[in-house]
Protein backbone atom coordinates (compact mmCIF):
# COMPACT_ATOMS: atom_id res chain seq x y z
CA UNK A 1 -6.12 23.68 -22.72
CA UNK A 2 -7.67 25.56 -19.82
CA UNK A 3 -8.46 23.61 -16.65
CA UNK A 4 -11.80 24.66 -15.19
CA UNK A 5 -13.16 24.55 -11.67
CA UNK A 6 -15.44 21.74 -12.84
CA UNK A 7 -12.39 19.79 -14.04
CA UNK A 8 -10.80 20.04 -10.61
CA UNK A 9 -14.04 19.11 -8.85
CA UNK A 10 -14.64 16.01 -10.95
CA UNK A 11 -10.99 14.94 -10.79
CA UNK A 12 -11.14 15.14 -7.01
CA UNK A 13 -14.25 12.98 -7.13
CA UNK A 14 -12.36 10.43 -9.25
CA UNK A 15 -9.43 10.59 -6.85
CA UNK A 16 -11.67 9.94 -3.85
CA UNK A 17 -13.01 6.91 -5.69
CA UNK A 18 -9.48 5.69 -6.35
CA UNK A 19 -8.56 6.00 -2.67
CA UNK A 20 -11.27 3.51 -1.73
CA UNK A 21 -9.31 0.84 -3.61
CA UNK A 22 -6.05 1.24 -1.71
CA UNK A 23 -4.67 -2.15 -0.72
CA UNK A 24 -7.16 -3.99 -2.93
CA UNK A 25 -6.07 -3.63 -6.57
CA UNK A 26 -2.44 -4.76 -6.68
CA UNK A 27 -0.54 -5.44 -8.88
CA UNK A 28 -2.47 -2.69 -10.67
CA UNK A 29 -2.79 0.88 -9.40
CA UNK A 30 -6.09 1.99 -7.97
CA UNK A 31 -7.69 4.34 -10.50
CA UNK A 32 -10.88 6.38 -10.38
CA UNK A 33 -12.97 7.35 -13.41
CA UNK A 34 -15.93 9.73 -13.57
CA UNK A 35 -17.95 10.28 -16.77
CA UNK A 36 -19.72 13.63 -17.11
CA UNK A 37 -22.12 14.77 -19.82
CA UNK A 38 -23.82 18.15 -20.03
CA UNK A 39 -22.64 18.91 -16.53
CA UNK A 40 -24.09 15.75 -14.99
CA UNK A 41 -22.29 12.66 -13.74
CA UNK A 42 -23.49 9.67 -15.77
CA UNK A 43 -21.12 7.01 -14.39
CA UNK A 44 -18.36 6.53 -11.89
CA UNK A 45 -16.12 3.59 -11.05
CA UNK A 46 -12.77 2.58 -9.63
CA UNK A 47 -10.41 -0.26 -10.50
CA UNK A 48 -12.02 -3.42 -9.16
CA UNK A 49 -10.49 -5.52 -6.39
CA UNK A 50 -7.71 -7.63 -7.85
CA UNK A 51 -7.01 -5.03 -10.53
CA UNK A 52 -9.73 -5.81 -13.09
CA UNK A 53 -11.85 -4.52 -14.65
CA UNK A 54 -10.13 -1.17 -14.97
CA UNK A 55 -11.95 1.95 -13.83
CA UNK A 56 -12.55 3.26 -17.37
CA UNK A 57 -14.04 -0.02 -18.59
CA UNK A 58 -16.36 -0.26 -15.58
CA UNK A 59 -17.54 3.36 -15.94
CA UNK A 60 -18.15 2.98 -19.69
CA UNK A 61 -20.16 -0.18 -19.08
CA UNK A 62 -22.30 1.69 -16.57
CA UNK A 63 -22.84 4.65 -18.92
CA UNK A 64 -23.59 2.61 -22.04
CA UNK A 65 -24.55 4.74 -25.06
CA UNK A 66 -24.69 7.85 -22.88
CA UNK A 67 -20.87 7.90 -22.93
CA UNK A 68 -20.87 9.34 -26.46
CA UNK A 69 -19.82 13.00 -26.26
CA UNK A 70 -19.03 12.76 -22.54
CA UNK A 71 -15.97 13.93 -20.62
CA UNK A 72 -13.95 11.21 -18.89
CA UNK A 73 -12.04 12.16 -15.73
CA UNK A 74 -9.37 9.55 -15.01
CA UNK A 75 -6.78 9.76 -12.24
CA UNK A 76 -4.13 7.86 -14.21
CA UNK A 77 -3.35 7.83 -17.93
CA UNK A 78 -5.53 5.14 -19.59
CA UNK A 79 -3.63 2.02 -20.57
CA UNK A 80 -2.61 1.66 -24.22
CA UNK A 81 -1.29 -1.89 -24.29
CA UNK A 82 -2.97 -5.27 -24.61
CA UNK A 83 -2.67 -7.15 -21.33
CA UNK A 84 -5.28 -9.44 -19.83
CA UNK A 85 -7.85 -6.86 -20.94
CA UNK A 86 -8.06 -4.62 -24.05
CA UNK A 87 -6.55 -1.10 -23.85
CA UNK A 88 -8.71 1.47 -22.08
CA UNK A 89 -7.81 4.10 -24.71
CA UNK A 90 -9.52 1.92 -27.31
CA UNK A 91 -12.58 1.55 -25.10
CA UNK A 92 -12.78 5.32 -24.58
CA UNK A 93 -12.34 5.97 -28.29
CA UNK A 94 -14.96 3.40 -29.33
CA UNK A 95 -17.39 4.84 -26.79
CA UNK A 96 -17.10 8.23 -28.48
CA UNK A 97 -16.02 10.33 -25.50
CA UNK A 98 -15.24 13.91 -26.51
CA UNK A 99 -12.67 14.82 -23.89
CA UNK A 100 -10.40 13.03 -21.43
CA UNK A 101 -8.98 14.77 -18.35
CA UNK A 102 -6.08 12.87 -16.78
CA UNK A 103 -4.57 13.28 -13.33
CA UNK A 104 -1.06 12.15 -14.27
CA UNK A 105 0.86 10.08 -16.79
CA UNK A 106 1.39 6.38 -16.10
CA UNK A 107 5.09 5.64 -15.37
CA UNK A 108 4.74 2.14 -16.85
CA UNK A 109 6.99 2.06 -19.94
CA UNK A 110 4.24 0.30 -21.87
CA UNK A 111 1.90 3.23 -21.35
CA UNK A 112 3.70 6.46 -20.44
CA UNK A 113 2.63 9.08 -22.97
CA UNK A 114 1.32 6.51 -25.42
CA UNK A 115 -2.18 6.56 -24.00
CA UNK A 116 -2.36 10.33 -24.40
CA UNK A 117 -0.97 10.16 -27.95
CA UNK A 118 -3.51 7.53 -29.00
CA UNK A 119 -6.40 9.57 -27.62
CA UNK A 120 -5.22 12.70 -29.43
CA UNK A 121 -4.73 10.75 -32.66
CA UNK A 122 -8.36 9.68 -32.37
CA UNK A 123 -9.42 13.33 -32.27
CA UNK A 124 -10.19 13.42 -28.56
CA UNK A 125 -9.33 16.53 -26.54
CA UNK A 126 -6.90 15.60 -23.75
CA UNK A 127 -5.88 17.49 -20.62
CA UNK A 128 -3.07 16.12 -18.44
CA UNK A 129 -1.74 16.91 -14.93
CA UNK A 130 -4.89 17.87 -13.05
CA UNK A 131 -4.33 17.44 -9.29
CA UNK A 132 -1.18 15.55 -10.26
CA UNK A 133 0.59 15.84 -6.91
CA UNK A 134 -2.44 14.54 -5.02
CA UNK A 135 -2.90 11.69 -7.49
CA UNK A 136 0.75 10.64 -7.20
CA UNK A 137 0.61 10.82 -3.40
CA UNK A 138 -2.49 8.62 -3.25
CA UNK A 139 -0.88 6.03 -5.50
CA UNK A 140 2.68 6.47 -4.23
CA UNK A 141 3.22 2.74 -3.87
CA UNK A 142 2.48 2.16 -7.54
CA UNK A 143 4.85 4.92 -8.61
CA UNK A 144 7.61 3.56 -6.36
CA UNK A 145 7.08 0.10 -7.84
CA UNK A 146 7.46 1.45 -11.37
CA UNK A 147 10.21 4.02 -10.77
CA UNK A 148 12.25 2.58 -7.87
CA UNK A 149 11.38 -1.12 -8.17
CA UNK A 150 10.17 -1.39 -4.58
CA UNK A 151 6.87 -1.00 -2.74
CA UNK A 152 5.86 1.82 -0.44
CA UNK A 153 7.06 1.01 3.09
CA UNK A 154 5.14 2.23 6.14
CA UNK A 155 6.65 1.51 9.55
CA UNK A 156 4.29 1.27 12.50
CA UNK A 157 5.12 1.21 16.19
CA UNK A 158 3.09 1.69 19.37
CA UNK A 159 4.77 2.76 22.59
CA UNK A 160 4.50 4.57 25.88
CA UNK A 161 5.57 8.20 26.19
CA UNK A 162 9.07 7.02 27.08
CA UNK A 163 9.18 4.93 23.87
CA UNK A 164 8.69 1.53 25.50
CA UNK A 165 6.82 -1.25 23.71
CA UNK A 166 6.81 -3.93 26.39
CA UNK A 167 7.67 -4.59 30.01
CA UNK A 168 10.97 -6.20 30.91
CA UNK A 169 9.10 -9.52 30.97
CA UNK A 170 7.79 -8.95 27.44
CA UNK A 171 4.17 -8.05 28.25
CA UNK A 172 2.83 -5.67 25.60
CA UNK A 173 -0.89 -6.31 25.09
CA UNK A 174 -2.30 -3.65 25.00
CA UNK A 175 -0.16 -0.53 25.32
CA UNK A 176 -2.53 1.63 23.27
CA UNK A 177 -6.31 1.76 23.42
CA UNK A 178 -9.11 0.67 21.11
CA UNK A 179 -9.23 3.90 19.07
CA UNK A 180 -5.53 3.63 18.21
CA UNK A 181 -5.86 -0.05 17.37
CA UNK A 182 -8.86 0.74 15.17
CA UNK A 183 -6.85 3.28 13.20
CA UNK A 184 -4.05 0.74 12.82
CA UNK A 185 -6.52 -1.72 11.33
CA UNK A 186 -7.59 0.89 8.77
CA UNK A 187 -3.92 1.24 7.81
CA UNK A 188 -3.72 -2.53 7.42
CA UNK A 189 -6.72 -2.44 5.12
CA UNK A 190 -5.12 0.23 2.92
CA UNK A 191 -1.86 -1.65 2.34
CA UNK A 192 -1.32 -4.61 0.05
CA UNK A 193 0.54 -6.50 2.76
CA UNK A 194 1.45 -6.58 6.44
CA UNK A 195 4.99 -7.63 7.40
CA UNK A 196 6.31 -8.84 10.76
CA UNK A 197 9.31 -10.73 12.04
CA UNK A 198 9.09 -14.35 13.09
CA UNK A 199 9.72 -13.47 16.75
CA UNK A 200 6.53 -11.39 16.80
CA UNK A 201 4.57 -14.36 15.48
CA UNK A 202 6.10 -16.77 17.98
CA UNK A 203 5.62 -14.41 20.92
CA UNK A 204 2.15 -12.98 20.17
CA UNK A 205 0.61 -15.50 17.74
CA UNK A 206 -1.27 -12.72 15.85
CA UNK A 207 -3.77 -13.24 13.04
CA UNK A 208 -2.58 -10.05 11.24
CA UNK A 209 -5.97 -9.44 9.65
CA UNK A 210 -7.64 -6.09 9.06
CA UNK A 211 -10.61 -5.96 11.38
CA UNK A 212 -12.63 -3.04 10.03
CA UNK A 213 -16.47 -3.14 10.24
CA UNK A 214 -18.00 -3.63 6.79
CA UNK A 215 -14.64 -4.42 5.20
CA UNK A 216 -13.81 -7.99 4.23
CA UNK A 217 -10.74 -7.68 2.00
CA UNK A 218 -7.50 -8.91 3.56
CA UNK A 219 -3.92 -8.17 2.56
CA UNK A 220 -1.05 -10.57 2.23
CA UNK A 221 0.57 -11.48 5.56
CA UNK A 222 4.34 -11.66 5.31
CA UNK A 223 6.75 -13.10 7.88
CA UNK A 224 10.51 -12.56 7.90
CA UNK A 225 11.69 -16.01 8.98
CA UNK A 226 15.37 -16.33 8.08
CA UNK A 227 15.87 -19.83 9.51
CA UNK A 228 12.30 -21.16 9.28
CA UNK A 229 11.40 -21.12 12.96
CA UNK A 230 7.68 -21.18 12.21
CA UNK A 231 5.90 -24.43 12.98
CA UNK A 232 2.53 -24.77 11.28
CA UNK A 233 0.08 -24.32 14.12
CA UNK A 234 0.18 -20.52 14.37
CA UNK A 235 -3.02 -18.54 13.84
CA UNK A 236 -1.67 -17.29 10.53
CA UNK A 237 -2.23 -20.69 8.95
CA UNK A 238 -5.90 -21.03 9.83
CA UNK A 239 -7.22 -19.20 6.76
CA UNK A 240 -4.50 -19.02 4.12
CA UNK A 241 -6.95 -19.41 1.24
CA UNK A 242 -8.74 -16.15 2.02
CA UNK A 243 -5.77 -14.46 3.69
CA UNK A 244 -2.47 -15.36 1.98
CA UNK A 245 0.69 -16.00 3.99
CA UNK A 246 4.11 -15.45 2.44
CA UNK A 247 7.31 -16.48 4.20
CA UNK A 248 10.53 -14.66 3.36
CA UNK A 249 13.40 -16.98 4.28
CA UNK A 250 17.02 -17.74 3.51
CA UNK A 251 16.31 -21.49 3.66
CA UNK A 252 15.62 -23.70 0.68
CA UNK A 253 11.99 -24.29 -0.25
CA UNK A 254 12.52 -28.01 0.37
CA UNK A 255 12.85 -27.26 4.09
CA UNK A 256 9.40 -25.67 4.24
CA UNK A 257 7.12 -28.53 3.21
CA UNK A 258 5.20 -28.34 6.49
CA UNK A 259 4.40 -24.66 5.85
CA UNK A 260 3.59 -25.18 2.18
CA UNK A 261 1.14 -27.89 3.17
CA UNK A 262 -0.66 -25.27 5.29
CA UNK A 263 -0.96 -22.96 2.28
CA UNK A 264 2.04 -20.69 2.77
CA UNK A 265 4.01 -19.25 -0.15
CA UNK A 266 7.76 -19.56 0.39
CA UNK A 267 10.03 -16.87 -1.07
CA UNK A 268 13.73 -17.59 -0.74
CA UNK A 269 16.09 -14.60 -0.64
CA UNK A 270 19.77 -14.17 0.34
CA UNK A 271 20.98 -13.51 3.86
CA UNK A 272 22.85 -10.41 5.00
CA UNK A 273 24.36 -10.23 8.49
CA UNK A 274 22.62 -13.52 9.37
CA UNK A 275 19.18 -12.11 8.49
CA UNK A 276 17.03 -11.91 5.41
CA UNK A 277 18.47 -9.25 3.10
CA UNK A 278 15.76 -6.59 3.17
CA UNK A 279 16.76 -5.04 -0.15
CA UNK A 280 16.52 -8.42 -1.84
CA UNK A 281 13.29 -9.15 0.00
CA UNK A 282 11.60 -5.99 -1.22
CA UNK A 283 12.77 -6.64 -4.76
CA UNK A 284 11.16 -10.08 -4.55
CA UNK A 285 7.93 -8.60 -3.19
CA UNK A 286 7.87 -6.07 -6.03
CA UNK A 287 8.28 -8.86 -8.56
CA UNK A 288 5.28 -10.53 -6.93
CA UNK A 289 3.28 -7.37 -7.65
CA UNK A 290 3.02 -5.68 -4.23
CA UNK A 291 2.91 -1.87 -4.18
CA UNK A 292 2.63 -1.16 -0.44
CA UNK A 293 3.74 -2.92 2.75
CA UNK A 294 2.90 -2.05 6.36
CA UNK A 295 5.74 -3.15 8.64
CA UNK A 296 4.36 -4.04 12.09
CA UNK A 297 7.29 -6.04 13.38
CA UNK A 298 8.89 -5.52 16.77
CA UNK A 299 11.73 -3.17 17.57
CA UNK A 300 14.37 -5.19 15.72
CA UNK A 301 12.40 -5.35 12.47
CA UNK A 302 11.43 -1.67 12.51
CA UNK A 303 15.01 -0.72 13.35
CA UNK A 304 16.38 -2.85 10.53
CA UNK A 305 14.37 -0.81 8.03
CA UNK A 306 15.40 2.47 9.67
CA UNK A 307 19.09 1.54 9.63
CA UNK A 308 19.20 1.19 5.86
CA UNK A 309 16.90 4.15 5.25
CA UNK A 310 14.32 1.88 3.64
CA UNK A 311 10.97 3.41 4.51
CA UNK A 312 8.59 6.13 3.35
CA UNK A 313 6.23 6.69 6.28
CA UNK A 314 6.40 6.18 10.03
CA UNK A 315 3.29 5.84 12.18
CA UNK A 316 4.11 6.32 15.85
CA UNK A 317 1.26 5.61 18.28
CA UNK A 318 1.91 6.81 21.84
CA UNK A 319 -0.04 6.00 24.99
CA UNK A 320 -0.04 8.50 27.84
CA UNK A 321 1.83 6.10 30.08
CA UNK A 322 5.36 5.38 31.27
CA UNK A 323 7.15 2.05 31.77
CA UNK A 324 10.63 3.09 32.88
CA UNK A 325 14.18 2.25 31.90
CA UNK A 326 13.97 -1.55 32.35
CA UNK A 327 11.24 -1.92 29.71
CA UNK A 328 11.85 -2.74 26.03
CA UNK A 329 12.43 0.12 23.61
CA UNK A 330 10.40 0.73 20.47
CA UNK A 331 13.60 1.17 18.48
CA UNK A 332 16.59 -1.07 19.16
CA UNK A 333 20.29 -0.22 18.92
CA UNK A 334 20.82 2.06 15.93
CA UNK A 335 24.62 2.31 16.29
CA UNK A 336 24.60 5.99 15.34
CA UNK A 337 28.00 7.38 16.25
CA UNK A 338 27.53 11.07 15.40
CA UNK A 339 24.71 13.60 15.13
CA UNK A 340 25.20 14.08 11.40
CA UNK A 341 24.05 10.48 10.93
CA UNK A 342 20.73 10.97 12.71
CA UNK A 343 17.61 9.88 10.85
CA UNK A 344 15.66 12.98 9.89
CA UNK A 345 11.89 12.91 9.53
CA UNK A 346 9.25 15.30 8.26
CA UNK A 347 6.25 15.58 10.56
CA UNK A 348 3.04 15.28 8.52
CA UNK A 349 0.21 15.07 10.99
CA UNK A 350 -0.81 14.52 14.61
CA UNK A 351 -4.06 12.91 15.74
CA UNK A 352 -5.69 12.28 19.09
CA UNK A 353 -7.10 8.77 19.23
CA UNK A 354 -8.97 8.35 22.47
CA UNK A 355 -6.36 8.58 25.21
CA UNK A 356 -3.54 8.03 22.73
CA UNK A 357 -1.68 10.16 20.22
CA UNK A 358 -0.60 9.33 16.68
CA UNK A 359 2.22 11.14 14.92
CA UNK A 360 2.69 10.53 11.20
CA UNK A 361 6.09 11.16 9.67
CA UNK A 362 7.65 10.87 6.23
CA UNK A 363 11.28 10.25 5.40
CA UNK A 364 13.05 13.59 5.01
């Protein structure tokens, strides 16, 4: 069936809606739905925080009886299975929509293709793959979770022009300015979780919250703590009810009673080279439902992800300053012995943020 300019326009509107839910809907994907009748938008919704209600259900509720004969623009194939809520394909069918335009198929085995088939069997016109590449990019974490059994990994580092993150004495607050830090907080808000190493927590005692004006949703805060060095008086533990804290450790849960009492969730994974096995850690996080993780750890943590080629994006903030050879590097020893083993990156975008510069890369 022909895709019209109106189809593309309304799908982009649905996609923009979906983007506003990034970091807030896991374990479900963030989906946008726009209902249009006689050329006019009659309802619009995205997947609610926490993953329910789904976008289609919320939009249909808003439209009421007006939904009959309407066109539904949905960024992801409507669900066809009974979970904690009824299938969205049934809701669309019962509402009497005449046509459904879908951004892309859902990779979930319980849905993929079945939602489309059920809609067609009900006599509804269906169009698939409208702005598909953009839809998949916006929800890349969800697709990675379904297809590769791991979340989207974004690495973030902030350094001087000569790639230093701290003085020789360890002073690092603040290398970049307020505009760069503000952008970093937006990135925090758009990820399901923020991950750091235990040394960062012990040295800086961060809260790891997303401080964005008008935004009160907080992601999971994850600490790689192989040998349980955390005490229980760090800032992280001041608000674990509203802002969850997960500890990835190689120790037994029985050794973490003091942290559990402060509200932390303990996830035990194997060790590899005397550290938490990152592959096993990400598998565990996927099983917990996470679709995207922002890694803000120090040089050792960022390097550990780079070494095993386990990342999707790299955010490199640079201040227009120099610290010299005695300062601490943003990337630690990579042990690359030949040029053919260099890590290759695709440059996506550059931004000026006040006096600082941000370069965004993707894994090549």
